[in-house]
Amino acid sequence: LGIFYFVAIFYVIVQGKDSVSSGIQLLYFAPGIVSSY
């Protein structure tokens, strides 16, 4: 939860992306979560 929260903030503040692009970037974490599960 902390990782997703702060990575989303990182994408918005540091990389200057909008919230939709930030959410799309977080989708790249999903295959890793599913495979580890």
All heavy atoms as atom14 arrays in JSON, in Angstrom:
{
  "sequence": "LGIFYFVAIFYVIVQGKDSVSSGIQLLYFAPGIVSSY",
  "atom14_mask": [
    [1, 1, 1, 1, 1, 1, 1, 1, 0, 0, 0, 0, 0, 0],
    [1, 1, 1, 1, 0, 0, 0, 0, 0, 0, 0, 0, 0, 0],
    [1, 1, 1, 1, 1, 1, 1, 1, 0, 0, 0, 0, 0, 0],
    [1, 1, 1, 1, 1, 1, 1, 1, 1, 1, 1, 0, 0, 0],
    [1, 1, 1, 1, 1, 1, 1, 1, 1, 1, 1, 1, 0, 0],
    [1, 1, 1, 1, 1, 1, 1, 1, 1, 1, 1, 0, 0, 0],
    [1, 1, 1, 1, 1, 1, 1, 0, 0, 0, 0, 0, 0, 0],
    [1, 1, 1, 1, 1, 0, 0, 0, 0, 0, 0, 0, 0, 0],
    [1, 1, 1, 1, 1, 1, 1, 1, 0, 0, 0, 0, 0, 0],
    [1, 1, 1, 1, 1, 1, 1, 1, 1, 1, 1, 0, 0, 0],
    [1, 1, 1, 1, 1, 1, 1, 1, 1, 1, 1, 1, 0, 0],
    [1, 1, 1, 1, 1, 1, 1, 0, 0, 0, 0, 0, 0, 0],
    [1, 1, 1, 1, 1, 1, 1, 1, 0, 0, 0, 0, 0, 0],
    [1, 1, 1, 1, 1, 1, 1, 0, 0, 0, 0, 0, 0, 0],
    [1, 1, 1, 1, 1, 1, 1, 1, 1, 0, 0, 0, 0, 0],
    [1, 1, 1, 1, 0, 0, 0, 0, 0, 0, 0, 0, 0, 0],
    [1, 1, 1, 1, 1, 1, 1, 1, 1, 0, 0, 0, 0, 0],
    [1, 1, 1, 1, 1, 1, 1, 1, 0, 0, 0, 0, 0, 0],
    [1, 1, 1, 1, 1, 1, 0, 0, 0, 0, 0, 0, 0, 0],
    [1, 1, 1, 1, 1, 1, 1, 0, 0, 0, 0, 0, 0, 0],
    [1, 1, 1, 1, 1, 1, 0, 0, 0, 0, 0, 0, 0, 0],
    [1, 1, 1, 1, 1, 1, 0, 0, 0, 0, 0, 0, 0, 0],
    [1, 1, 1, 1, 0, 0, 0, 0, 0, 0, 0, 0, 0, 0],
    [1, 1, 1, 1, 1, 1, 1, 1, 0, 0, 0, 0, 0, 0],
    [1, 1, 1, 1, 1, 1, 1, 1, 1, 0, 0, 0, 0, 0],
    [1, 1, 1, 1, 1, 1, 1, 1, 0, 0, 0, 0, 0, 0],
    [1, 1, 1, 1, 1, 1, 1, 1, 0, 0, 0, 0, 0, 0],
    [1, 1, 1, 1, 1, 1, 1, 1, 1, 1, 1, 1, 0, 0],
    [1, 1, 1, 1, 1, 1, 1, 1, 1, 1, 1, 0, 0, 0],
    [1, 1, 1, 1, 1, 0, 0, 0, 0, 0, 0, 0, 0, 0],
    [1, 1, 1, 1, 1, 1, 1, 0, 0, 0, 0, 0, 0, 0],
    [1, 1, 1, 1, 0, 0, 0, 0, 0, 0, 0, 0, 0, 0],
    [1, 1, 1, 1, 1, 1, 1, 1, 0, 0, 0, 0, 0, 0],
    [1, 1, 1, 1, 1, 1, 1, 0, 0, 0, 0, 0, 0, 0],
    [1, 1, 1, 1, 1, 1, 0, 0, 0, 0, 0, 0, 0, 0],
    [1, 1, 1, 1, 1, 1, 0, 0, 0, 0, 0, 0, 0, 0],
    [1, 1, 1, 1, 1, 1, 1, 1, 1, 1, 1, 1, 0, 0]
  ],
  "atom14_positions": [
    [[0.83, -1.2, 0.0], [0.0, 0.0, 0.0], [0.87, 1.25, 0.0], [0.62, 2.2, -0.75], [-0.94, -0.01, 1.21], [-1.84, 1.2, 1.37], [-2.92, 1.19, 0.3], [-2.47, 1.21, 2.75], [0.0, 0.0, 0.0], [0.0, 0.0, 0.0], [0.0, 0.0, 0.0], [0.0, 0.0, 0.0], [0.0, 0.0, 0.0], [0.0, 0.0, 0.0]],
    [[1.9, 1.26, 0.83], [2.81, 2.41, 0.87], [3.53, 2.6, -0.44], [3.7, 3.74, -0.92], [0.0, 0.0, 0.0], [0.0, 0.0, 0.0], [0.0, 0.0, 0.0], [0.0, 0.0, 0.0], [0.0, 0.0, 0.0], [0.0, 0.0, 0.0], [0.0, 0.0, 0.0], [0.0, 0.0, 0.0], [0.0, 0.0, 0.0], [0.0, 0.0, 0.0]],
    [[3.95, 1.52, -1.05], [4.66, 1.62, -2.33], [3.74, 2.22, -3.4], [4.13, 3.15, -4.12], [5.18, 0.24, -2.78], [6.37, -0.16, -1.91], [5.55, 0.23, -4.25], [6.85, -1.57, -2.16], [0.0, 0.0, 0.0], [0.0, 0.0, 0.0], [0.0, 0.0, 0.0], [0.0, 0.0, 0.0], [0.0, 0.0, 0.0], [0.0, 0.0, 0.0]],
    [[2.52, 1.71, -3.51], [1.62, 2.24, -4.52], [1.29, 3.71, -4.26], [1.19, 4.52, -5.18], [0.32, 1.42, -4.59], [0.45, 0.19, -5.43], [0.12, -1.05, -4.92], [0.9, 0.28, -6.73], [0.24, -2.18, -5.71], [1.02, -0.84, -7.53], [0.69, -2.08, -7.01], [0.0, 0.0, 0.0], [0.0, 0.0, 0.0], [0.0, 0.0, 0.0]],
    [[1.13, 4.07, -3.0], [0.81, 5.45, -2.66], [1.95, 6.38, -3.05], [1.74, 7.39, -3.73], [0.51, 5.54, -1.16], [0.13, 6.92, -0.7], [-1.14, 7.41, -0.92], [1.06, 7.73, -0.04], [-1.5, 8.67, -0.49], [0.71, 8.99, 0.39], [-0.57, 9.46, 0.16], [-0.91, 10.7, 0.58], [0.0, 0.0, 0.0], [0.0, 0.0, 0.0]],
    [[3.17, 6.04, -2.65], [4.28, 6.95, -2.9], [4.79, 6.88, -4.34], [5.31, 7.88, -4.86], [5.4, 6.69, -1.9], [5.06, 7.18, -0.53], [4.86, 6.29, 0.51], [4.9, 8.53, -0.29], [4.53, 6.74, 1.77], [4.56, 8.99, 0.97], [4.37, 8.1, 2.0], [0.0, 0.0, 0.0], [0.0, 0.0, 0.0], [0.0, 0.0, 0.0]],
    [[4.67, 5.74, -5.01], [5.06, 5.68, -6.42], [4.11, 6.53, -7.25], [4.55, 7.23, -8.19], [5.11, 4.22, -6.91], [5.21, 4.14, -8.43], [6.29, 3.5, -6.28], [0.0, 0.0, 0.0], [0.0, 0.0, 0.0], [0.0, 0.0, 0.0], [0.0, 0.0, 0.0], [0.0, 0.0, 0.0], [0.0, 0.0, 0.0], [0.0, 0.0, 0.0]],
    [[2.81, 6.52, -6.93], [1.86, 7.37, -7.64], [2.2, 8.85, -7.44], [2.17, 9.64, -8.39], [0.44, 7.07, -7.18], [0.0, 0.0, 0.0], [0.0, 0.0, 0.0], [0.0, 0.0, 0.0], [0.0, 0.0, 0.0], [0.0, 0.0, 0.0], [0.0, 0.0, 0.0], [0.0, 0.0, 0.0], [0.0, 0.0, 0.0], [0.0, 0.0, 0.0]],
    [[2.54, 9.22, -6.22], [2.96, 10.61, -5.96], [4.24, 10.93, -6.71], [4.41, 12.03, -7.26], [3.12, 10.84, -4.44], [1.76, 10.81, -3.77], [3.82, 12.16, -4.16], [1.81, 10.88, -2.27], [0.0, 0.0, 0.0], [0.0, 0.0, 0.0], [0.0, 0.0, 0.0], [0.0, 0.0, 0.0], [0.0, 0.0, 0.0], [0.0, 0.0, 0.0]],
    [[5.17, 9.98, -6.78], [6.42, 10.19, -7.51], [6.14, 10.48, -8.98], [6.71, 11.4, -9.57], [7.3, 8.94, -7.38], [8.51, 8.96, -8.27], [9.63, 9.7, -7.92], [8.52, 8.24, -9.45], [10.75, 9.71, -8.74], [9.63, 8.25, -10.28], [10.75, 8.99, -9.92], [0.0, 0.0, 0.0], [0.0, 0.0, 0.0], [0.0, 0.0, 0.0]],
    [[5.24, 9.68, -9.6], [4.92, 9.9, -11.0], [4.28, 11.28, -11.22], [4.54, 11.94, -12.22], [3.99, 8.81, -11.54], [4.69, 7.51, -11.83], [4.16, 6.31, -11.4], [5.87, 7.48, -12.55], [4.79, 5.12, -11.66], [6.51, 6.29, -12.82], [5.97, 5.12, -12.38], [6.6, 3.94, -12.64], [0.0, 0.0, 0.0], [0.0, 0.0, 0.0]],
    [[3.43, 11.72, -10.31], [2.75, 12.99, -10.48], [3.69, 14.17, -10.23], [3.77, 15.1, -11.03], [1.51, 13.07, -9.56], [0.91, 14.47, -9.56], [0.47, 12.05, -9.97], [0.0, 0.0, 0.0], [0.0, 0.0, 0.0], [0.0, 0.0, 0.0], [0.0, 0.0, 0.0], [0.0, 0.0, 0.0], [0.0, 0.0, 0.0], [0.0, 0.0, 0.0]],
    [[4.44, 14.14, -9.12], [5.25, 15.3, -8.74], [6.59, 15.33, -9.47], [6.96, 16.35, -10.06], [5.47, 15.31, -7.21], [4.13, 15.54, -6.5], [6.47, 16.38, -6.81], [4.2, 15.43, -5.01], [0.0, 0.0, 0.0], [0.0, 0.0, 0.0], [0.0, 0.0, 0.0], [0.0, 0.0, 0.0], [0.0, 0.0, 0.0], [0.0, 0.0, 0.0]],
    [[7.32, 14.23, -9.44], [8.67, 14.24, -10.0], [8.65, 14.17, -11.52], [9.34, 14.94, -12.2], [9.51, 13.08, -9.41], [10.87, 13.01, -10.06], [9.62, 13.24, -7.91], [0.0, 0.0, 0.0], [0.0, 0.0, 0.0], [0.0, 0.0, 0.0], [0.0, 0.0, 0.0], [0.0, 0.0, 0.0], [0.0, 0.0, 0.0], [0.0, 0.0, 0.0]],
    [[7.87, 13.26, -12.07], [7.88, 13.1, -13.52], [6.85, 13.98, -14.23], [6.82, 14.02, -15.45], [7.68, 11.63, -13.89], [8.87, 10.78, -13.49], [8.78, 9.38, -14.05], [7.75, 8.98, -14.59], [9.86, 8.64, -13.93], [0.0, 0.0, 0.0], [0.0, 0.0, 0.0], [0.0, 0.0, 0.0], [0.0, 0.0, 0.0], [0.0, 0.0, 0.0]],
    [[6.0, 14.64, -13.47], [5.05, 15.6, -14.05], [3.93, 14.97, -14.84], [3.33, 15.62, -15.7], [0.0, 0.0, 0.0], [0.0, 0.0, 0.0], [0.0, 0.0, 0.0], [0.0, 0.0, 0.0], [0.0, 0.0, 0.0], [0.0, 0.0, 0.0], [0.0, 0.0, 0.0], [0.0, 0.0, 0.0], [0.0, 0.0, 0.0], [0.0, 0.0, 0.0]],
    [[3.58, 13.73, -14.57], [2.48, 13.07, -15.29], [1.16, 13.43, -14.63], [1.1, 13.84, -13.47], [2.67, 11.55, -15.27], [3.93, 11.08, -15.99], [3.99, 9.58, -15.98], [5.26, 9.1, -16.61], [5.2, 9.01, -18.05], [0.0, 0.0, 0.0], [0.0, 0.0, 0.0], [0.0, 0.0, 0.0], [0.0, 0.0, 0.0], [0.0, 0.0, 0.0]],
    [[0.08, 13.3, -15.4], [-1.24, 13.5, -14.79], [-1.65, 12.23, -14.04], [-0.97, 11.21, -14.1], [-2.27, 13.89, -15.85], [-2.45, 12.83, -16.93], [-1.55, 11.99, -17.07], [-3.48, 12.86, -17.62], [0.0, 0.0, 0.0], [0.0, 0.0, 0.0], [0.0, 0.0, 0.0], [0.0, 0.0, 0.0], [0.0, 0.0, 0.0], [0.0, 0.0, 0.0]],
    [[-2.78, 12.29, -13.34], [-3.18, 11.17, -12.49], [-3.53, 9.93, -13.31], [-3.28, 8.8, -12.87], [-4.35, 11.57, -11.61], [-5.44, 11.99, -12.41], [0.0, 0.0, 0.0], [0.0, 0.0, 0.0], [0.0, 0.0, 0.0], [0.0, 0.0, 0.0], [0.0, 0.0, 0.0], [0.0, 0.0, 0.0], [0.0, 0.0, 0.0], [0.0, 0.0, 0.0]],
    [[-4.08, 10.09, -14.51], [-4.42, 8.94, -15.34], [-3.14, 8.23, -15.8], [-3.03, 7.0, -15.74], [-5.28, 9.37, -16.56], [-5.51, 8.2, -17.5], [-6.6, 9.94, -16.08], [0.0, 0.0, 0.0], [0.0, 0.0, 0.0], [0.0, 0.0, 0.0], [0.0, 0.0, 0.0], [0.0, 0.0, 0.0], [0.0, 0.0, 0.0], [0.0, 0.0, 0.0]],
    [[-2.15, 8.99, -16.25], [-0.87, 8.39, -16.67], [-0.18, 7.72, -15.49], [0.45, 6.67, -15.65], [0.05, 9.46, -17.26], [-0.54, 10.05, -18.37], [0.0, 0.0, 0.0], [0.0, 0.0, 0.0], [0.0, 0.0, 0.0], [0.0, 0.0, 0.0], [0.0, 0.0, 0.0], [0.0, 0.0, 0.0], [0.0, 0.0, 0.0], [0.0, 0.0, 0.0]],
    [[-0.29, 8.32, -14.33], [0.3, 7.72, -13.13], [-0.35, 6.38, -12.82], [0.31, 5.4, -12.5], [0.14, 8.67, -11.95], [0.58, 8.08, -10.77], [0.0, 0.0, 0.0], [0.0, 0.0, 0.0], [0.0, 0.0, 0.0], [0.0, 0.0, 0.0], [0.0, 0.0, 0.0], [0.0, 0.0, 0.0], [0.0, 0.0, 0.0], [0.0, 0.0, 0.0]],
    [[-1.69, 6.31, -12.93], [-2.4, 5.05, -12.71], [-2.03, 4.0, -13.74], [-1.9, 2.81, -13.41], [0.0, 0.0, 0.0], [0.0, 0.0, 0.0], [0.0, 0.0, 0.0], [0.0, 0.0, 0.0], [0.0, 0.0, 0.0], [0.0, 0.0, 0.0], [0.0, 0.0, 0.0], [0.0, 0.0, 0.0], [0.0, 0.0, 0.0], [0.0, 0.0, 0.0]],
    [[-1.85, 4.43, -14.98], [-1.44, 3.48, -16.03], [-0.04, 2.94, -15.74], [0.24, 1.75, -15.94], [-1.52, 4.14, -17.42], [-2.99, 4.39, -17.77], [-0.85, 3.29, -18.49], [-3.2, 5.22, -19.01], [0.0, 0.0, 0.0], [0.0, 0.0, 0.0], [0.0, 0.0, 0.0], [0.0, 0.0, 0.0], [0.0, 0.0, 0.0], [0.0, 0.0, 0.0]],
    [[0.85, 3.78, -15.25], [2.2, 3.33, -14.91], [2.18, 2.31, -13.77], [2.99, 1.4, -13.71], [3.08, 4.52, -14.52], [3.39, 5.45, -15.67], [4.21, 4.76, -16.75], [5.12, 3.99, -16.47], [3.85, 5.01, -17.99], [0.0, 0.0, 0.0], [0.0, 0.0, 0.0], [0.0, 0.0, 0.0], [0.0, 0.0, 0.0], [0.0, 0.0, 0.0]],
    [[1.21, 2.46, -12.86], [1.09, 1.5, -11.75], [0.61, 0.14, -12.22], [0.81, -0.87, -11.53], [0.16, 2.04, -10.67], [0.72, 3.19, -9.84], [-0.34, 3.71, -8.89], [1.95, 2.77, -9.07], [0.0, 0.0, 0.0], [0.0, 0.0, 0.0], [0.0, 0.0, 0.0], [0.0, 0.0, 0.0], [0.0, 0.0, 0.0], [0.0, 0.0, 0.0]],
    [[-0.04, 0.08, -13.39], [-0.5, -1.2, -13.92], [0.66, -2.13, -14.24], [0.5, -3.35, -14.28], [-1.36, -1.0, -15.17], [-2.75, -0.43, -14.92], [-3.45, -0.19, -16.25], [-3.56, -1.37, -14.05], [0.0, 0.0, 0.0], [0.0, 0.0, 0.0], [0.0, 0.0, 0.0], [0.0, 0.0, 0.0], [0.0, 0.0, 0.0], [0.0, 0.0, 0.0]],
    [[1.85, -1.58, -14.46], [3.01, -2.42, -14.76], [3.45, -3.25, -13.53], [4.18, -4.22, -13.67], [4.18, -1.57, -15.27], [3.91, -0.94, -16.61], [3.83, 0.44, -16.74], [3.71, -1.73, -17.72], [3.58, 1.02, -17.96], [3.45, -1.17, -18.96], [3.39, 0.22, -19.06], [3.13, 0.78, -20.28], [0.0, 0.0, 0.0], [0.0, 0.0, 0.0]],
    [[2.97, -2.87, -12.36], [3.28, -3.65, -11.16], [2.42, -4.91, -11.07], [2.76, -5.85, -10.37], [3.05, -2.81, -9.89], [4.1, -1.79, -9.64], [3.9, -0.47, -10.0], [5.29, -2.14, -9.04], [4.87, 0.48, -9.76], [6.26, -1.2, -8.79], [6.06, 0.11, -9.16], [0.0, 0.0, 0.0], [0.0, 0.0, 0.0], [0.0, 0.0, 0.0]],
    [[1.26, -4.91, -11.74], [0.3, -6.01, -11.6], [0.86, -7.38, -11.97], [0.64, -8.35, -11.23], [-0.96, -5.69, -12.4], [0.0, 0.0, 0.0], [0.0, 0.0, 0.0], [0.0, 0.0, 0.0], [0.0, 0.0, 0.0], [0.0, 0.0, 0.0], [0.0, 0.0, 0.0], [0.0, 0.0, 0.0], [0.0, 0.0, 0.0], [0.0, 0.0, 0.0]],
    [[1.57, -7.53, -13.11], [2.09, -8.87, -13.41], [3.05, -9.4, -12.34], [3.04, -10.59, -12.03], [2.81, -8.7, -14.75], [2.19, -7.49, -15.36], [1.81, -6.61, -14.22], [0.0, 0.0, 0.0], [0.0, 0.0, 0.0], [0.0, 0.0, 0.0], [0.0, 0.0, 0.0], [0.0, 0.0, 0.0], [0.0, 0.0, 0.0], [0.0, 0.0, 0.0]],
    [[3.84, -8.51, -11.76], [4.75, -8.95, -10.69], [4.0, -9.4, -9.45], [4.37, -10.39, -8.81], [0.0, 0.0, 0.0], [0.0, 0.0, 0.0], [0.0, 0.0, 0.0], [0.0, 0.0, 0.0], [0.0, 0.0, 0.0], [0.0, 0.0, 0.0], [0.0, 0.0, 0.0], [0.0, 0.0, 0.0], [0.0, 0.0, 0.0], [0.0, 0.0, 0.0]],
    [[2.93, -8.71, -9.14], [2.13, -9.09, -7.97], [1.45, -10.42, -8.22], [1.46, -11.31, -7.37], [1.09, -8.0, -7.66], [1.79, -6.72, -7.22], [0.11, -8.46, -6.59], [0.86, -5.54, -7.12], [0.0, 0.0, 0.0], [0.0, 0.0, 0.0], [0.0, 0.0, 0.0], [0.0, 0.0, 0.0], [0.0, 0.0, 0.0], [0.0, 0.0, 0.0]],
    [[0.86, -10.59, -9.4], [0.17, -11.84, -9.72], [1.14, -13.01, -9.76], [0.86, -14.08, -9.23], [-0.59, -11.7, -11.06], [-1.14, -13.04, -11.51], [-1.7, -10.69, -10.92], [0.0, 0.0, 0.0], [0.0, 0.0, 0.0], [0.0, 0.0, 0.0], [0.0, 0.0, 0.0], [0.0, 0.0, 0.0], [0.0, 0.0, 0.0], [0.0, 0.0, 0.0]],
    [[2.32, -12.81, -10.37], [3.28, -13.91, -10.46], [3.85, -14.26, -9.09], [4.06, -15.43, -8.78], [4.41, -13.58, -11.43], [5.16, -12.48, -10.95], [0.0, 0.0, 0.0], [0.0, 0.0, 0.0], [0.0, 0.0, 0.0], [0.0, 0.0, 0.0], [0.0, 0.0, 0.0], [0.0, 0.0, 0.0], [0.0, 0.0, 0.0], [0.0, 0.0, 0.0]],
    [[4.07, -13.27, -8.23], [4.57, -13.59, -6.89], [3.51, -14.3, -6.06], [3.8, -15.16, -5.27], [5.06, -12.34, -6.19], [3.97, -11.48, -5.91], [0.0, 0.0, 0.0], [0.0, 0.0, 0.0], [0.0, 0.0, 0.0], [0.0, 0.0, 0.0], [0.0, 0.0, 0.0], [0.0, 0.0, 0.0], [0.0, 0.0, 0.0], [0.0, 0.0, 0.0]],
    [[2.24, -13.93, -6.28], [1.16, -14.6, -5.57], [1.04, -16.05, -6.03], [0.85, -16.95, -5.22], [-0.16, -13.85, -5.8], [-1.34, -14.52, -5.15], [-1.52, -14.48, -3.79], [-2.27, -15.22, -5.92], [-2.6, -15.11, -3.19], [-3.34, -15.85, -5.34], [-3.5, -15.79, -3.98], [-4.56, -16.42, -3.4], [0.0, 0.0, 0.0], [0.0, 0.0, 0.0]]
  ]
}
